[in-house]
Amino acid sequence: MAKASVIALVSLAIYLSSLSFSDAEDTFFVEGKVYCDTCRVEFETRLSEPIKGAIVKLECRNRTIDGSITYSHEAVTDESGKYSIQAKGDHEEEICEVRVTKSPRADCNEFMESWNKARVVLTKKDGILDPRRFANGLGFLKKEAVPGCAEVLKEMGFLPLNSRKTL
């Protein structure tokens, strides 16, 4: 008899714990950074600078033809250019992207064609249990390249780009 009651209690505990996990709303944290591309090459180098106070926006939208926005939230970067945006709910059937919307720096506020947005997956049904999702670095272009860019690109294994005026 005691054995049957222990089994019943264990079964009840398992059932109740599965209810609390399935009913809880998923919460994700989209993390990333925003930088100033001081060499105007549209990727991060050792001369790139973090941008404090940049505004980033997370938007999820339907995959359907109308593409209506289902979730939207903004964040501001800290002194190291990093941000964290909390996202509620599972967005498995949606397209979610983080994009930069504003730079506080007048000398570095030109949108990059390639790195002004990053796609993120916001579902636990992809096998990732960690609630943090990491977005690719996003950035803005500096008005004019800083000295030393040609040297940095040479260090990185790129051929000298003598014809580019931005270096």
N, C-alpha and C. Protein backbone atom coordinates (compact mmCIF):
# COMPACT_ATOMS: atom_id res chain seq x y z
N MET A 1 0.82 -1.19 0.00
CA MET A 1 0.00 0.00 0.00
C MET A 1 0.86 1.25 0.00
N ALA A 2 1.89 1.27 0.85
CA ALA A 2 2.78 2.43 0.90
C ALA A 2 3.50 2.62 -0.42
N LYS A 3 3.82 1.50 -1.07
CA LYS A 3 4.50 1.56 -2.37
C LYS A 3 3.60 2.22 -3.42
N ALA A 4 2.33 1.92 -3.39
CA ALA A 4 1.38 2.49 -4.36
C ALA A 4 1.22 3.98 -4.14
N SER A 5 1.22 4.43 -2.88
CA SER A 5 1.07 5.87 -2.61
C SER A 5 2.32 6.63 -3.02
N VAL A 6 3.49 6.03 -2.87
CA VAL A 6 4.73 6.68 -3.31
C VAL A 6 4.73 6.82 -4.83
N ILE A 7 4.31 5.79 -5.52
CA ILE A 7 4.23 5.84 -6.98
C ILE A 7 3.24 6.91 -7.42
N ALA A 8 2.12 6.99 -6.74
CA ALA A 8 1.12 8.00 -7.07
C ALA A 8 1.66 9.40 -6.84
N LEU A 9 2.37 9.62 -5.74
CA LEU A 9 2.95 10.94 -5.46
C LEU A 9 4.01 11.32 -6.49
N VAL A 10 4.85 10.39 -6.86
CA VAL A 10 5.88 10.66 -7.86
C VAL A 10 5.23 10.98 -9.20
N SER A 11 4.22 10.22 -9.57
CA SER A 11 3.51 10.46 -10.83
C SER A 11 2.84 11.83 -10.83
N LEU A 12 2.24 12.20 -9.71
CA LEU A 12 1.61 13.51 -9.58
C LEU A 12 2.64 14.63 -9.69
N ALA A 13 3.79 14.46 -9.07
CA ALA A 13 4.85 15.47 -9.12
C ALA A 13 5.35 15.65 -10.55
N ILE A 14 5.53 14.56 -11.27
CA ILE A 14 5.99 14.63 -12.65
C ILE A 14 4.94 15.33 -13.51
N TYR A 15 3.69 14.98 -13.32
CA TYR A 15 2.61 15.59 -14.08
C TYR A 15 2.53 17.09 -13.82
N LEU A 16 2.59 17.51 -12.57
CA LEU A 16 2.49 18.92 -12.23
C LEU A 16 3.68 19.72 -12.75
N SER A 17 4.87 19.13 -12.68
CA SER A 17 6.05 19.85 -13.18
C SER A 17 5.99 20.00 -14.69
N SER A 18 5.44 19.02 -15.39
CA SER A 18 5.32 19.15 -16.85
C SER A 18 4.29 20.20 -17.22
N LEU A 19 3.25 20.37 -16.41
CA LEU A 19 2.26 21.41 -16.66
C LEU A 19 2.87 22.79 -16.50
N SER A 20 3.68 23.00 -15.47
CA SER A 20 4.25 24.32 -15.22
C SER A 20 5.21 24.72 -16.33
N PHE A 21 5.93 23.75 -16.89
CA PHE A 21 6.86 24.09 -17.97
C PHE A 21 6.13 24.35 -19.28
N SER A 22 5.10 23.60 -19.56
CA SER A 22 4.42 23.78 -20.84
C SER A 22 3.54 25.01 -20.85
N ASP A 23 3.02 25.41 -19.69
CA ASP A 23 2.15 26.58 -19.64
C ASP A 23 2.93 27.89 -19.52
N ALA A 24 4.17 27.80 -19.12
CA ALA A 24 4.96 29.03 -18.94
C ALA A 24 5.27 29.65 -20.31
N GLU A 25 5.17 30.96 -20.39
CA GLU A 25 5.48 31.65 -21.64
C GLU A 25 6.99 31.69 -21.83
N ASP A 26 7.42 31.36 -23.02
CA ASP A 26 8.85 31.39 -23.32
C ASP A 26 9.35 32.83 -23.28
N THR A 27 10.54 32.99 -22.72
CA THR A 27 11.19 34.30 -22.70
C THR A 27 12.59 34.12 -23.25
N PHE A 28 12.95 34.99 -24.18
CA PHE A 28 14.26 34.95 -24.80
C PHE A 28 14.95 36.29 -24.57
N PHE A 29 16.28 36.28 -24.67
CA PHE A 29 17.07 37.49 -24.55
C PHE A 29 17.97 37.56 -25.77
N VAL A 30 17.68 38.50 -26.65
CA VAL A 30 18.48 38.69 -27.87
C VAL A 30 19.62 39.63 -27.52
N GLU A 31 20.85 39.15 -27.69
CA GLU A 31 22.03 39.92 -27.31
C GLU A 31 22.92 40.16 -28.52
N GLY A 32 23.57 41.31 -28.51
CA GLY A 32 24.47 41.65 -29.60
C GLY A 32 25.19 42.94 -29.31
N LYS A 33 25.88 43.45 -30.32
CA LYS A 33 26.60 44.72 -30.14
C LYS A 33 26.52 45.54 -31.42
N VAL A 34 26.72 46.84 -31.23
CA VAL A 34 26.72 47.79 -32.33
C VAL A 34 28.07 48.50 -32.32
N TYR A 35 28.67 48.62 -33.49
CA TYR A 35 30.00 49.23 -33.59
C TYR A 35 30.06 50.24 -34.71
N CYS A 36 31.07 51.08 -34.63
CA CYS A 36 31.37 52.04 -35.69
C CYS A 36 32.48 51.43 -36.54
N ASP A 37 32.20 51.26 -37.82
CA ASP A 37 33.19 50.74 -38.77
C ASP A 37 34.08 51.91 -39.19
N THR A 38 35.18 52.06 -38.49
CA THR A 38 36.07 53.21 -38.70
C THR A 38 36.90 53.09 -39.98
N CYS A 39 36.91 51.91 -40.60
CA CYS A 39 37.65 51.73 -41.85
C CYS A 39 36.75 51.67 -43.07
N ARG A 40 35.45 51.74 -42.86
CA ARG A 40 34.47 51.73 -43.94
C ARG A 40 34.59 50.49 -44.83
N VAL A 41 34.81 49.32 -44.23
CA VAL A 41 34.94 48.08 -44.98
C VAL A 41 33.75 47.13 -44.75
N GLU A 42 32.81 47.53 -43.94
CA GLU A 42 31.59 46.79 -43.63
C GLU A 42 31.84 45.46 -42.91
N PHE A 43 32.89 45.43 -42.11
CA PHE A 43 33.10 44.35 -41.14
C PHE A 43 33.95 44.90 -40.01
N GLU A 44 33.94 44.19 -38.90
CA GLU A 44 34.61 44.67 -37.70
C GLU A 44 36.12 44.40 -37.77
N THR A 45 36.90 45.40 -37.39
CA THR A 45 38.36 45.27 -37.30
C THR A 45 38.79 45.69 -35.90
N ARG A 46 40.08 45.62 -35.62
CA ARG A 46 40.55 46.04 -34.30
C ARG A 46 40.44 47.55 -34.10
N LEU A 47 40.23 48.30 -35.17
CA LEU A 47 40.05 49.74 -35.07
C LEU A 47 38.58 50.15 -34.90
N SER A 48 37.67 49.19 -35.03
CA SER A 48 36.24 49.48 -34.86
C SER A 48 35.99 49.93 -33.42
N GLU A 49 34.98 50.76 -33.26
CA GLU A 49 34.67 51.32 -31.93
C GLU A 49 33.23 50.99 -31.56
N PRO A 50 33.00 50.61 -30.29
CA PRO A 50 31.62 50.37 -29.86
C PRO A 50 30.84 51.68 -29.84
N ILE A 51 29.55 51.60 -30.09
CA ILE A 51 28.71 52.80 -30.07
C ILE A 51 27.77 52.73 -28.87
N LYS A 52 27.96 53.66 -27.96
CA LYS A 52 27.08 53.79 -26.80
C LYS A 52 25.86 54.62 -27.21
N GLY A 53 24.68 54.16 -26.80
CA GLY A 53 23.46 54.92 -27.06
C GLY A 53 22.81 54.67 -28.41
N ALA A 54 23.28 53.67 -29.15
CA ALA A 54 22.64 53.33 -30.42
C ALA A 54 21.30 52.65 -30.12
N ILE A 55 20.34 52.86 -30.98
CA ILE A 55 19.03 52.23 -30.80
C ILE A 55 18.92 51.05 -31.74
N VAL A 56 18.53 49.91 -31.17
CA VAL A 56 18.30 48.69 -31.95
C VAL A 56 16.85 48.26 -31.73
N LYS A 57 16.31 47.62 -32.73
CA LYS A 57 14.90 47.21 -32.66
C LYS A 57 14.76 45.76 -33.09
N LEU A 58 14.07 44.98 -32.28
CA LEU A 58 13.73 43.61 -32.61
C LEU A 58 12.31 43.60 -33.16
N GLU A 59 12.14 43.00 -34.32
CA GLU A 59 10.81 42.85 -34.90
C GLU A 59 10.63 41.42 -35.39
N CYS A 60 9.47 40.85 -35.06
CA CYS A 60 9.07 39.56 -35.60
C CYS A 60 7.85 39.80 -36.46
N ARG A 61 7.80 39.11 -37.60
CA ARG A 61 6.67 39.30 -38.50
C ARG A 61 6.21 37.95 -39.06
N ASN A 62 4.98 37.93 -39.47
CA ASN A 62 4.40 36.72 -40.08
C ASN A 62 5.17 36.36 -41.34
N ARG A 63 5.24 35.07 -41.61
CA ARG A 63 5.86 34.61 -42.86
C ARG A 63 4.90 34.73 -44.04
N THR A 64 3.68 35.11 -43.77
CA THR A 64 2.68 35.18 -44.82
C THR A 64 2.95 36.36 -45.74
N ILE A 65 2.14 36.49 -46.74
CA ILE A 65 2.32 37.53 -47.76
C ILE A 65 2.26 38.93 -47.16
N ASP A 66 1.37 39.15 -46.20
CA ASP A 66 1.25 40.50 -45.65
C ASP A 66 2.41 40.87 -44.74
N GLY A 67 3.08 39.89 -44.14
CA GLY A 67 4.25 40.15 -43.31
C GLY A 67 4.01 41.07 -42.14
N SER A 68 2.82 41.02 -41.57
CA SER A 68 2.49 41.93 -40.47
C SER A 68 3.37 41.67 -39.25
N ILE A 69 3.68 42.74 -38.53
CA ILE A 69 4.54 42.66 -37.35
C ILE A 69 3.75 42.08 -36.18
N THR A 70 4.33 41.04 -35.56
CA THR A 70 3.68 40.38 -34.43
C THR A 70 4.32 40.73 -33.10
N TYR A 71 5.56 41.18 -33.13
CA TYR A 71 6.27 41.53 -31.90
C TYR A 71 7.30 42.60 -32.23
N SER A 72 7.44 43.59 -31.37
CA SER A 72 8.41 44.66 -31.59
C SER A 72 8.89 45.19 -30.24
N HIS A 73 10.19 45.38 -30.12
CA HIS A 73 10.76 45.92 -28.88
C HIS A 73 12.10 46.58 -29.19
N GLU A 74 12.37 47.72 -28.54
CA GLU A 74 13.62 48.45 -28.76
C GLU A 74 14.52 48.36 -27.54
N ALA A 75 15.80 48.61 -27.78
CA ALA A 75 16.78 48.69 -26.70
C ALA A 75 17.85 49.70 -27.09
N VAL A 76 18.61 50.13 -26.09
CA VAL A 76 19.71 51.08 -26.29
C VAL A 76 20.99 50.40 -25.85
N THR A 77 22.07 50.62 -26.61
CA THR A 77 23.34 49.99 -26.29
C THR A 77 24.01 50.67 -25.10
N ASP A 78 24.80 49.89 -24.37
CA ASP A 78 25.54 50.42 -23.23
C ASP A 78 26.89 50.97 -23.68
N GLU A 79 27.76 51.31 -22.74
CA GLU A 79 29.05 51.93 -23.06
C GLU A 79 29.96 51.03 -23.89
N SER A 80 29.73 49.71 -23.85
CA SER A 80 30.53 48.81 -24.67
C SER A 80 29.83 48.43 -25.98
N GLY A 81 28.74 49.14 -26.29
CA GLY A 81 28.02 48.89 -27.53
C GLY A 81 27.11 47.68 -27.49
N LYS A 82 26.93 47.07 -26.31
CA LYS A 82 26.13 45.85 -26.20
C LYS A 82 24.69 46.16 -25.81
N TYR A 83 23.80 45.27 -26.23
CA TYR A 83 22.39 45.40 -25.91
C TYR A 83 21.82 44.02 -25.57
N SER A 84 20.70 44.03 -24.89
CA SER A 84 19.94 42.82 -24.61
C SER A 84 18.47 43.19 -24.71
N ILE A 85 17.75 42.48 -25.57
CA ILE A 85 16.33 42.74 -25.77
C ILE A 85 15.55 41.52 -25.31
N GLN A 86 14.64 41.73 -24.38
CA GLN A 86 13.80 40.64 -23.91
C GLN A 86 12.65 40.42 -24.90
N ALA A 87 12.43 39.17 -25.26
CA ALA A 87 11.34 38.82 -26.18
C ALA A 87 10.47 37.76 -25.52
N LYS A 88 9.20 38.00 -25.48
CA LYS A 88 8.26 37.07 -24.87
C LYS A 88 7.60 36.23 -25.95
N GLY A 89 7.36 34.97 -25.62
CA GLY A 89 6.62 34.08 -26.50
C GLY A 89 7.48 33.32 -27.47
N ASP A 90 6.90 32.26 -28.02
CA ASP A 90 7.56 31.45 -29.04
C ASP A 90 7.23 32.03 -30.41
N HIS A 91 8.25 32.23 -31.21
CA HIS A 91 8.08 32.85 -32.53
C HIS A 91 8.57 31.90 -33.63
N GLU A 92 8.26 30.61 -33.47
CA GLU A 92 8.74 29.59 -34.40
C GLU A 92 8.29 29.85 -35.83
N GLU A 93 7.08 30.30 -36.01
CA GLU A 93 6.52 30.48 -37.35
C GLU A 93 6.69 31.91 -37.87
N GLU A 94 7.60 32.66 -37.27
CA GLU A 94 7.79 34.06 -37.66
C GLU A 94 9.24 34.31 -38.05
N ILE A 95 9.45 35.40 -38.74
CA ILE A 95 10.80 35.86 -39.08
C ILE A 95 11.13 36.98 -38.12
N CYS A 96 12.19 36.80 -37.33
CA CYS A 96 12.59 37.81 -36.35
C CYS A 96 13.96 38.37 -36.73
N GLU A 97 14.06 39.70 -36.68
CA GLU A 97 15.31 40.37 -37.02
C GLU A 97 15.56 41.53 -36.07
N VAL A 98 16.84 41.73 -35.77
CA VAL A 98 17.26 42.90 -35.02
C VAL A 98 17.88 43.85 -36.03
N ARG A 99 17.55 45.12 -35.93
CA ARG A 99 18.13 46.11 -36.85
C ARG A 99 18.53 47.36 -36.07
N VAL A 100 19.56 48.03 -36.56
CA VAL A 100 19.94 49.30 -35.96
C VAL A 100 19.03 50.36 -36.56
N THR A 101 18.58 51.29 -35.70
CA THR A 101 17.69 52.33 -36.21
C THR A 101 18.28 53.72 -36.06
N LYS A 102 19.21 53.89 -35.09
CA LYS A 102 19.77 55.23 -34.91
C LYS A 102 21.12 55.16 -34.20
N SER A 103 22.04 55.97 -34.68
CA SER A 103 23.34 56.14 -34.04
C SER A 103 23.39 57.53 -33.41
N PRO A 104 23.90 57.64 -32.19
CA PRO A 104 24.02 58.96 -31.57
C PRO A 104 25.24 59.74 -32.07
N ARG A 105 26.09 59.10 -32.84
CA ARG A 105 27.32 59.72 -33.30
C ARG A 105 27.15 60.35 -34.67
N ALA A 106 27.33 61.66 -34.74
CA ALA A 106 27.21 62.38 -36.02
C ALA A 106 28.31 61.95 -37.00
N ASP A 107 29.47 61.55 -36.47
CA ASP A 107 30.58 61.14 -37.34
C ASP A 107 30.48 59.68 -37.77
N CYS A 108 29.49 58.95 -37.25
CA CYS A 108 29.36 57.53 -37.57
C CYS A 108 27.89 57.14 -37.52
N ASN A 109 27.15 57.57 -38.54
CA ASN A 109 25.72 57.29 -38.54
C ASN A 109 25.20 56.82 -39.90
N GLU A 110 26.11 56.49 -40.81
CA GLU A 110 25.71 55.99 -42.13
C GLU A 110 25.42 54.49 -42.02
N PHE A 111 24.23 54.08 -42.48
CA PHE A 111 23.86 52.67 -42.40
C PHE A 111 24.74 51.83 -43.31
N MET A 112 25.14 50.66 -42.79
CA MET A 112 25.87 49.70 -43.62
C MET A 112 24.85 48.93 -44.44
N GLU A 113 25.19 48.66 -45.67
CA GLU A 113 24.30 47.91 -46.52
C GLU A 113 24.19 46.46 -46.03
N SER A 114 25.31 45.89 -45.61
CA SER A 114 25.34 44.47 -45.24
C SER A 114 24.99 44.18 -43.79
N TRP A 115 25.32 45.06 -42.87
CA TRP A 115 25.21 44.74 -41.44
C TRP A 115 24.32 45.72 -40.67
N ASN A 116 23.16 46.04 -41.22
CA ASN A 116 22.24 46.88 -40.46
C ASN A 116 21.12 46.07 -39.83
N LYS A 117 21.09 44.74 -40.13
CA LYS A 117 20.12 43.86 -39.48
C LYS A 117 20.68 42.45 -39.38
N ALA A 118 20.14 41.69 -38.41
CA ALA A 118 20.57 40.31 -38.19
C ALA A 118 19.35 39.48 -37.83
N ARG A 119 19.23 38.32 -38.43
CA ARG A 119 18.11 37.43 -38.16
C ARG A 119 18.41 36.58 -36.92
N VAL A 120 17.39 36.37 -36.10
CA VAL A 120 17.51 35.53 -34.90
C VAL A 120 16.33 34.56 -34.86
N VAL A 121 16.56 33.39 -34.28
CA VAL A 121 15.53 32.37 -34.15
C VAL A 121 15.05 32.38 -32.70
N LEU A 122 13.74 32.59 -32.51
CA LEU A 122 13.19 32.70 -31.16
C LEU A 122 12.18 31.59 -30.91
N THR A 123 12.70 30.38 -30.75
CA THR A 123 11.88 29.23 -30.39
C THR A 123 12.77 28.22 -29.67
N LYS A 124 12.15 27.44 -28.78
CA LYS A 124 12.88 26.36 -28.11
C LYS A 124 12.76 25.07 -28.91
N LYS A 125 11.99 25.11 -29.97
CA LYS A 125 11.76 23.92 -30.79
C LYS A 125 12.89 23.67 -31.78
N ASP A 126 13.98 24.43 -31.65
CA ASP A 126 15.13 24.24 -32.52
C ASP A 126 16.24 23.47 -31.82
N GLY A 127 15.97 23.03 -30.59
CA GLY A 127 16.94 22.24 -29.85
C GLY A 127 17.84 23.05 -28.94
N ILE A 128 17.75 24.37 -28.97
CA ILE A 128 18.58 25.23 -28.12
C ILE A 128 17.77 25.59 -26.88
N LEU A 129 18.24 25.16 -25.72
CA LEU A 129 17.50 25.39 -24.49
C LEU A 129 17.86 26.71 -23.81
N ASP A 130 19.05 27.22 -24.09
CA ASP A 130 19.48 28.49 -23.51
C ASP A 130 18.56 29.61 -24.01
N PRO A 131 18.02 30.43 -23.12
CA PRO A 131 17.11 31.50 -23.56
C PRO A 131 17.83 32.66 -24.27
N ARG A 132 19.17 32.69 -24.22
CA ARG A 132 19.90 33.76 -24.90
C ARG A 132 20.08 33.41 -26.37
N ARG A 133 19.86 34.42 -27.20
CA ARG A 133 20.09 34.28 -28.63
C ARG A 133 21.05 35.40 -29.02
N PHE A 134 22.08 35.05 -29.75
CA PHE A 134 23.12 36.01 -30.09
C PHE A 134 22.99 36.44 -31.55
N ALA A 135 22.88 37.73 -31.76
CA ALA A 135 22.77 38.29 -33.10
C ALA A 135 24.16 38.69 -33.59
N ASN A 136 24.36 38.65 -34.88
CA ASN A 136 25.60 39.15 -35.47
C ASN A 136 25.78 40.62 -35.12
N GLY A 137 27.04 41.06 -35.07
CA GLY A 137 27.33 42.46 -34.80
C GLY A 137 26.72 43.36 -35.87
N LEU A 138 26.22 44.49 -35.43
CA LEU A 138 25.60 45.46 -36.33
C LEU A 138 26.41 46.74 -36.27
N GLY A 139 26.39 47.52 -37.34
CA GLY A 139 27.22 48.71 -37.30
C GLY A 139 26.79 49.83 -38.21
N PHE A 140 27.50 50.92 -38.03
CA PHE A 140 27.37 52.11 -38.84
C PHE A 140 28.74 52.43 -39.43
N LEU A 141 28.76 53.13 -40.55
CA LEU A 141 30.01 53.53 -41.18
C LEU A 141 30.41 54.92 -40.71
N LYS A 142 31.70 55.07 -40.42
CA LYS A 142 32.25 56.38 -40.09
C LYS A 142 32.30 57.21 -41.38
N LYS A 143 32.13 58.51 -41.24
CA LYS A 143 32.11 59.40 -42.41
C LYS A 143 33.38 59.25 -43.25
N GLU A 144 34.54 59.23 -42.57
CA GLU A 144 35.82 59.04 -43.24
C GLU A 144 36.65 58.05 -42.46
N ALA A 145 37.37 57.21 -43.19
CA ALA A 145 38.20 56.19 -42.54
C ALA A 145 39.31 56.82 -41.71
N VAL A 146 39.66 56.16 -40.61
CA VAL A 146 40.73 56.66 -39.74
C VAL A 146 42.08 56.17 -40.27
N PRO A 147 43.16 56.84 -39.90
CA PRO A 147 44.49 56.37 -40.31
C PRO A 147 44.76 54.97 -39.72
N GLY A 148 45.48 54.17 -40.44
CA GLY A 148 45.86 52.85 -39.96
C GLY A 148 45.02 51.72 -40.54
N CYS A 149 44.00 52.04 -41.31
CA CYS A 149 43.13 51.00 -41.85
C CYS A 149 43.86 50.09 -42.84
N ALA A 150 44.69 50.65 -43.69
CA ALA A 150 45.42 49.83 -44.66
C ALA A 150 46.31 48.82 -43.94
N GLU A 151 46.95 49.24 -42.87
CA GLU A 151 47.81 48.34 -42.09
C GLU A 151 47.00 47.21 -41.45
N VAL A 152 45.85 47.54 -40.91
CA VAL A 152 44.99 46.54 -40.29
C VAL A 152 44.51 45.52 -41.32
N LEU A 153 44.12 45.99 -42.48
CA LEU A 153 43.65 45.08 -43.51
C LEU A 153 44.78 44.18 -44.02
N LYS A 154 45.98 44.73 -44.06
CA LYS A 154 47.14 43.91 -44.45
C LYS A 154 47.39 42.83 -43.40
N GLU A 155 47.28 43.18 -42.11
CA GLU A 155 47.43 42.21 -41.01
C GLU A 155 46.40 41.09 -41.12
N MET A 156 45.22 41.43 -41.60
CA MET A 156 44.13 40.46 -41.71
C MET A 156 44.25 39.59 -42.95
N GLY A 157 45.24 39.86 -43.80
CA GLY A 157 45.47 39.03 -44.98
C GLY A 157 44.80 39.54 -46.23
N PHE A 158 44.26 40.74 -46.20
CA PHE A 158 43.67 41.31 -47.40
C PHE A 158 44.77 41.97 -48.23
N LEU A 159 44.58 41.92 -49.54
CA LEU A 159 45.54 42.59 -50.42
C LEU A 159 45.45 44.10 -50.23
N PRO A 160 46.52 44.82 -50.45
CA PRO A 160 46.42 46.28 -50.39
C PRO A 160 45.39 46.79 -51.40
N LEU A 161 44.58 47.69 -50.96
CA LEU A 161 43.53 48.24 -51.82
C LEU A 161 43.88 49.69 -52.16
N ASN A 162 44.88 49.86 -52.96
CA ASN A 162 45.38 51.20 -53.29
C ASN A 162 44.34 52.05 -53.99
N SER A 163 43.41 51.43 -54.70
CA SER A 163 42.44 52.19 -55.47
C SER A 163 41.30 52.73 -54.61
N ARG A 164 41.16 52.26 -53.38
CA ARG A 164 40.07 52.74 -52.51
C ARG A 164 40.48 54.00 -51.80
N LYS A 165 39.67 55.02 -51.93
CA LYS A 165 39.96 56.32 -51.31
C LYS A 165 39.61 56.34 -49.83
N THR A 166 38.81 55.37 -49.37
CA THR A 166 38.38 55.37 -47.98
C THR A 166 39.48 54.92 -47.04
N LEU A 167 40.53 54.33 -47.55
CA LEU A 167 41.59 53.85 -46.69
C LEU A 167 42.62 54.91 -46.51
